[in-house]
Amino acid sequence: MKLECDCGSKKFVEEINYQKKILNSDGQVIDWTLVDTELLYFCFECGEEMTPTTH
């Protein structure tokens, strides 16, 4: 995988959205769902959303 940004940055942010948990009144997890399993990458310098290239 290769991350490149037009601004020339060498630092990137990986953001992963995890799961939504459903708790009972005791705070125990009774169910959960994946909210969004998409991985997002952002340029650390300019904040541009990246799409990794796979070569």
PDB file of N, CA and C in Angstrom:
ATOM      1  N   MET A   1       0.833  -1.189   0.000  1.00  0.00           N
ATOM      2  CA  MET A   1       0.000   0.000   0.000  1.00  0.00           C
ATOM      3  C   MET A   1       0.877   1.251   0.000  1.00  0.00           C
ATOM      4  N   LYS A   2       0.441   2.244  -0.735  1.00  0.00           N
ATOM      5  CA  LYS A   2       1.201   3.488  -0.814  1.00  0.00           C
ATOM      6  C   LYS A   2       0.253   4.671  -0.645  1.00  0.00           C
ATOM      7  N   LEU A   3       0.645   5.576   0.244  1.00  0.00           N
ATOM      8  CA  LEU A   3      -0.144   6.793   0.440  1.00  0.00           C
ATOM      9  C   LEU A   3       0.645   7.971  -0.094  1.00  0.00           C
ATOM     10  N   GLU A   4       0.004   8.729  -0.953  1.00  0.00           N
ATOM     11  CA  GLU A   4       0.654   9.897  -1.533  1.00  0.00           C
ATOM     12  C   GLU A   4      -0.310  11.064  -1.498  1.00  0.00           C
ATOM     13  N   CYS A   5       0.223  12.237  -1.214  1.00  0.00           N
ATOM     14  CA  CYS A   5      -0.598  13.449  -1.269  1.00  0.00           C
ATOM     15  C   CYS A   5       0.104  14.477  -2.140  1.00  0.00           C
ATOM     16  N   ASP A   6      -0.683  15.275  -2.819  1.00  0.00           N
ATOM     17  CA  ASP A   6      -0.144  16.315  -3.705  1.00  0.00           C
ATOM     18  C   ASP A   6       0.712  17.333  -2.965  1.00  0.00           C
ATOM     19  N   CYS A   7       0.466  17.505  -1.662  1.00  0.00           N
ATOM     20  CA  CYS A   7       1.226  18.501  -0.908  1.00  0.00           C
ATOM     21  C   CYS A   7       2.611  17.981  -0.513  1.00  0.00           C
ATOM     22  N   GLY A   8       2.876  16.690  -0.786  1.00  0.00           N
ATOM     23  CA  GLY A   8       4.202  16.142  -0.516  1.00  0.00           C
ATOM     24  C   GLY A   8       4.407  15.630   0.901  1.00  0.00           C
ATOM     25  N   SER A   9       3.353  15.582   1.679  1.00  0.00           N
ATOM     26  CA  SER A   9       3.452  15.133   3.065  1.00  0.00           C
ATOM     27  C   SER A   9       3.886  13.677   3.150  1.00  0.00           C
ATOM     28  N   LYS A  10       4.611  13.353   4.221  1.00  0.00           N
ATOM     29  CA  LYS A  10       5.010  11.968   4.465  1.00  0.00           C
ATOM     30  C   LYS A  10       4.307  11.412   5.699  1.00  0.00           C
ATOM     31  N   LYS A  11       3.344  12.165   6.236  1.00  0.00           N
ATOM     32  CA  LYS A  11       2.605  11.702   7.418  1.00  0.00           C
ATOM     33  C   LYS A  11       1.128  11.624   7.088  1.00  0.00           C
ATOM     34  N   PHE A  12       0.503  10.539   7.554  1.00  0.00           N
ATOM     35  CA  PHE A  12      -0.898  10.308   7.244  1.00  0.00           C
ATOM     36  C   PHE A  12      -1.644   9.819   8.473  1.00  0.00           C
ATOM     37  N   VAL A  13      -2.947  10.038   8.462  1.00  0.00           N
ATOM     38  CA  VAL A  13      -3.808   9.629   9.564  1.00  0.00           C
ATOM     39  C   VAL A  13      -4.712   8.510   9.075  1.00  0.00           C
ATOM     40  N   GLU A  14      -4.787   7.420   9.864  1.00  0.00           N
ATOM     41  CA  GLU A  14      -5.714   6.332   9.560  1.00  0.00           C
ATOM     42  C   GLU A  14      -6.877   6.420  10.530  1.00  0.00           C
ATOM     43  N   GLU A  15      -8.083   6.416   9.990  1.00  0.00           N
ATOM     44  CA  GLU A  15      -9.272   6.515  10.827  1.00  0.00           C
ATOM     45  C   GLU A  15     -10.170   5.326  10.552  1.00  0.00           C
ATOM     46  N   ILE A  16     -10.466   4.564  11.589  1.00  0.00           N
ATOM     47  CA  ILE A  16     -11.331   3.396  11.449  1.00  0.00           C
ATOM     48  C   ILE A  16     -12.548   3.588  12.338  1.00  0.00           C
ATOM     49  N   ASN A  17     -13.714   3.431  11.771  1.00  0.00           N
ATOM     50  CA  ASN A  17     -14.935   3.520  12.561  1.00  0.00           C
ATOM     51  C   ASN A  17     -15.284   2.140  13.099  1.00  0.00           C
ATOM     52  N   TYR A  18     -15.491   2.065  14.392  1.00  0.00           N
ATOM     53  CA  TYR A  18     -15.693   0.770  15.030  1.00  0.00           C
ATOM     54  C   TYR A  18     -17.162   0.419  15.193  1.00  0.00           C
ATOM     55  N   GLN A  19     -17.497  -0.217  16.282  1.00  0.00           N
ATOM     56  CA  GLN A  19     -18.828  -0.754  16.455  1.00  0.00           C
ATOM     57  C   GLN A  19     -19.648   0.061  17.446  1.00  0.00           C
ATOM     58  N   LYS A  20     -20.953  -0.036  17.275  1.00  0.00           N
ATOM     59  CA  LYS A  20     -21.890   0.585  18.208  1.00  0.00           C
ATOM     60  C   LYS A  20     -22.375  -0.518  19.139  1.00  0.00           C
ATOM     61  N   LYS A  21     -22.228  -0.304  20.447  1.00  0.00           N
ATOM     62  CA  LYS A  21     -22.623  -1.320  21.424  1.00  0.00           C
ATOM     63  C   LYS A  21     -23.944  -0.938  22.071  1.00  0.00           C
ATOM     64  N   ILE A  22     -24.762  -1.942  22.316  1.00  0.00           N
ATOM     65  CA  ILE A  22     -26.017  -1.738  23.021  1.00  0.00           C
ATOM     66  C   ILE A  22     -25.854  -2.339  24.414  1.00  0.00           C
ATOM     67  N   LEU A  23     -26.082  -1.512  25.431  1.00  0.00           N
ATOM     68  CA  LEU A  23     -25.876  -1.931  26.812  1.00  0.00           C
ATOM     69  C   LEU A  23     -27.212  -2.093  27.518  1.00  0.00           C
ATOM     70  N   ASN A  24     -27.223  -2.974  28.530  1.00  0.00           N
ATOM     71  CA  ASN A  24     -28.404  -3.025  29.393  1.00  0.00           C
ATOM     72  C   ASN A  24     -28.203  -2.051  30.547  1.00  0.00           C
ATOM     73  N   SER A  25     -29.140  -2.004  31.482  1.00  0.00           N
ATOM     74  CA  SER A  25     -29.078  -1.010  32.558  1.00  0.00           C
ATOM     75  C   SER A  25     -27.898  -1.226  33.499  1.00  0.00           C
ATOM     76  N   ASP A  26     -27.303  -2.435  33.457  1.00  0.00           N
ATOM     77  CA  ASP A  26     -26.118  -2.707  34.275  1.00  0.00           C
ATOM     78  C   ASP A  26     -24.831  -2.345  33.549  1.00  0.00           C
ATOM     79  N   GLY A  27     -24.947  -1.850  32.335  1.00  0.00           N
ATOM     80  CA  GLY A  27     -23.763  -1.486  31.573  1.00  0.00           C
ATOM     81  C   GLY A  27     -23.114  -2.666  30.871  1.00  0.00           C
ATOM     82  N   GLN A  28     -23.788  -3.808  30.810  1.00  0.00           N
ATOM     83  CA  GLN A  28     -23.252  -4.970  30.112  1.00  0.00           C
ATOM     84  C   GLN A  28     -23.652  -4.920  28.647  1.00  0.00           C
ATOM     85  N   VAL A  29     -22.742  -5.351  27.789  1.00  0.00           N
ATOM     86  CA  VAL A  29     -23.023  -5.350  26.358  1.00  0.00           C
ATOM     87  C   VAL A  29     -23.969  -6.500  26.041  1.00  0.00           C
ATOM     88  N   ILE A  30     -25.139  -6.162  25.516  1.00  0.00           N
ATOM     89  CA  ILE A  30     -26.098  -7.197  25.145  1.00  0.00           C
ATOM     90  C   ILE A  30     -26.176  -7.393  23.635  1.00  0.00           C
ATOM     91  N   ASP A  31     -25.695  -6.414  22.887  1.00  0.00           N
ATOM     92  CA  ASP A  31     -25.690  -6.537  21.431  1.00  0.00           C
ATOM     93  C   ASP A  31     -24.765  -5.480  20.885  1.00  0.00           C
ATOM     94  N   TRP A  32     -24.292  -5.695  19.674  1.00  0.00           N
ATOM     95  CA  TRP A  32     -23.487  -4.664  19.030  1.00  0.00           C
ATOM     96  C   TRP A  32     -23.595  -4.790  17.533  1.00  0.00           C
ATOM     97  N   THR A  33     -23.378  -3.694  16.852  1.00  0.00           N
ATOM     98  CA  THR A  33     -23.412  -3.680  15.396  1.00  0.00           C
ATOM     99  C   THR A  33     -22.189  -2.937  14.894  1.00  0.00           C
ATOM    100  N   LEU A  34     -21.703  -3.345  13.755  1.00  0.00           N
ATOM    101  CA  LEU A  34     -20.634  -2.582  13.121  1.00  0.00           C
ATOM    102  C   LEU A  34     -21.267  -1.345  12.512  1.00  0.00           C
ATOM    103  N   VAL A  35     -20.807  -0.198  12.968  1.00  0.00           N
ATOM    104  CA  VAL A  35     -21.391   1.050  12.491  1.00  0.00           C
ATOM    105  C   VAL A  35     -20.952   1.303  11.060  1.00  0.00           C
ATOM    106  N   ASP A  36     -19.670   1.162  10.821  1.00  0.00           N
ATOM    107  CA  ASP A  36     -19.096   1.485   9.519  1.00  0.00           C
ATOM    108  C   ASP A  36     -17.684   0.939   9.516  1.00  0.00           C
ATOM    109  N   THR A  37     -17.431  -0.053   8.696  1.00  0.00           N
ATOM    110  CA  THR A  37     -16.126  -0.699   8.728  1.00  0.00           C
ATOM    111  C   THR A  37     -15.135  -0.063   7.772  1.00  0.00           C
ATOM    112  N   GLU A  38     -15.535   1.059   7.190  1.00  0.00           N
ATOM    113  CA  GLU A  38     -14.675   1.712   6.213  1.00  0.00           C
ATOM    114  C   GLU A  38     -13.410   2.284   6.862  1.00  0.00           C
ATOM    115  N   LEU A  39     -12.288   2.026   6.240  1.00  0.00           N
ATOM    116  CA  LEU A  39     -11.037   2.654   6.644  1.00  0.00           C
ATOM    117  C   LEU A  39     -10.863   3.943   5.868  1.00  0.00           C
ATOM    118  N   LEU A  40     -10.564   5.002   6.574  1.00  0.00           N
ATOM    119  CA  LEU A  40     -10.316   6.272   5.910  1.00  0.00           C
ATOM    120  C   LEU A  40      -8.895   6.719   6.195  1.00  0.00           C
ATOM    121  N   TYR A  41      -8.271   7.301   5.203  1.00  0.00           N
ATOM    122  CA  TYR A  41      -6.919   7.825   5.359  1.00  0.00           C
ATOM    123  C   TYR A  41      -6.932   9.309   5.034  1.00  0.00           C
ATOM    124  N   PHE A  42      -6.245  10.078   5.859  1.00  0.00           N
ATOM    125  CA  PHE A  42      -6.170  11.512   5.646  1.00  0.00           C
ATOM    126  C   PHE A  42      -4.718  11.959   5.659  1.00  0.00           C
ATOM    127  N   CYS A  43      -4.430  12.987   4.900  1.00  0.00           N
ATOM    128  CA  CYS A  43      -3.111  13.606   4.946  1.00  0.00           C
ATOM    129  C   CYS A  43      -2.969  14.342   6.266  1.00  0.00           C
ATOM    130  N   PHE A  44      -1.854  14.121   6.965  1.00  0.00           N
ATOM    131  CA  PHE A  44      -1.612  14.758   8.256  1.00  0.00           C
ATOM    132  C   PHE A  44      -1.418  16.265   8.102  1.00  0.00           C
ATOM    133  N   GLU A  45      -0.834  16.668   6.981  1.00  0.00           N
ATOM    134  CA  GLU A  45      -0.495  18.078   6.779  1.00  0.00           C
ATOM    135  C   GLU A  45      -1.692  18.919   6.330  1.00  0.00           C
ATOM    136  N   CYS A  46      -2.347  18.505   5.239  1.00  0.00           N
ATOM    137  CA  CYS A  46      -3.392  19.360   4.669  1.00  0.00           C
ATOM    138  C   CYS A  46      -4.807  18.823   4.897  1.00  0.00           C
ATOM    139  N   GLY A  47      -4.938  17.613   5.460  1.00  0.00           N
ATOM    140  CA  GLY A  47      -6.258  17.082   5.786  1.00  0.00           C
ATOM    141  C   GLY A  47      -7.018  16.478   4.624  1.00  0.00           C
ATOM    142  N   GLU A  48      -6.367  16.380   3.471  1.00  0.00           N
ATOM    143  CA  GLU A  48      -7.006  15.813   2.283  1.00  0.00           C
ATOM    144  C   GLU A  48      -7.275  14.320   2.486  1.00  0.00           C
ATOM    145  N   GLU A  49      -8.471  13.864   2.094  1.00  0.00           N
ATOM    146  CA  GLU A  49      -8.769  12.436   2.199  1.00  0.00           C
ATOM    147  C   GLU A  49      -7.986  11.671   1.140  1.00  0.00           C
ATOM    148  N   MET A  50      -7.366  10.567   1.563  1.00  0.00           N
ATOM    149  CA  MET A  50      -6.499   9.815   0.663  1.00  0.00           C
ATOM    150  C   MET A  50      -7.170   8.521   0.230  1.00  0.00           C
ATOM    151  N   THR A  51      -6.798   8.046  -0.936  1.00  0.00           N
ATOM    152  CA  THR A  51      -7.143   6.698  -1.357  1.00  0.00           C
ATOM    153  C   THR A  51      -5.824   5.968  -1.572  1.00  0.00           C
ATOM    154  N   PRO A  52      -5.541   4.942  -0.765  1.00  0.00           N
ATOM    155  CA  PRO A  52      -4.267   4.242  -0.925  1.00  0.00           C
ATOM    156  C   PRO A  52      -4.193   3.540  -2.275  1.00  0.00           C
ATOM    157  N   THR A  53      -3.014   3.575  -2.879  1.00  0.00           N
ATOM    158  CA  THR A  53      -2.800   2.804  -4.094  1.00  0.00           C
ATOM    159  C   THR A  53      -2.186   1.469  -3.677  1.00  0.00           C
ATOM    160  N   THR A  54      -2.477   0.435  -4.421  1.00  0.00           N
ATOM    161  CA  THR A  54      -2.033  -0.903  -4.012  1.00  0.00           C
ATOM    162  C   THR A  54      -1.015  -1.473  -4.990  1.00  0.00           C
ATOM    163  N   HIS A  55       0.051  -0.726  -5.251  1.00  0.00           N
ATOM    164  CA  HIS A  55       1.116  -1.278  -6.080  1.00  0.00           C
ATOM    165  C   HIS A  55       2.470  -0.896  -5.513  1.00  0.00           C
TER     166      HIS A  55
END
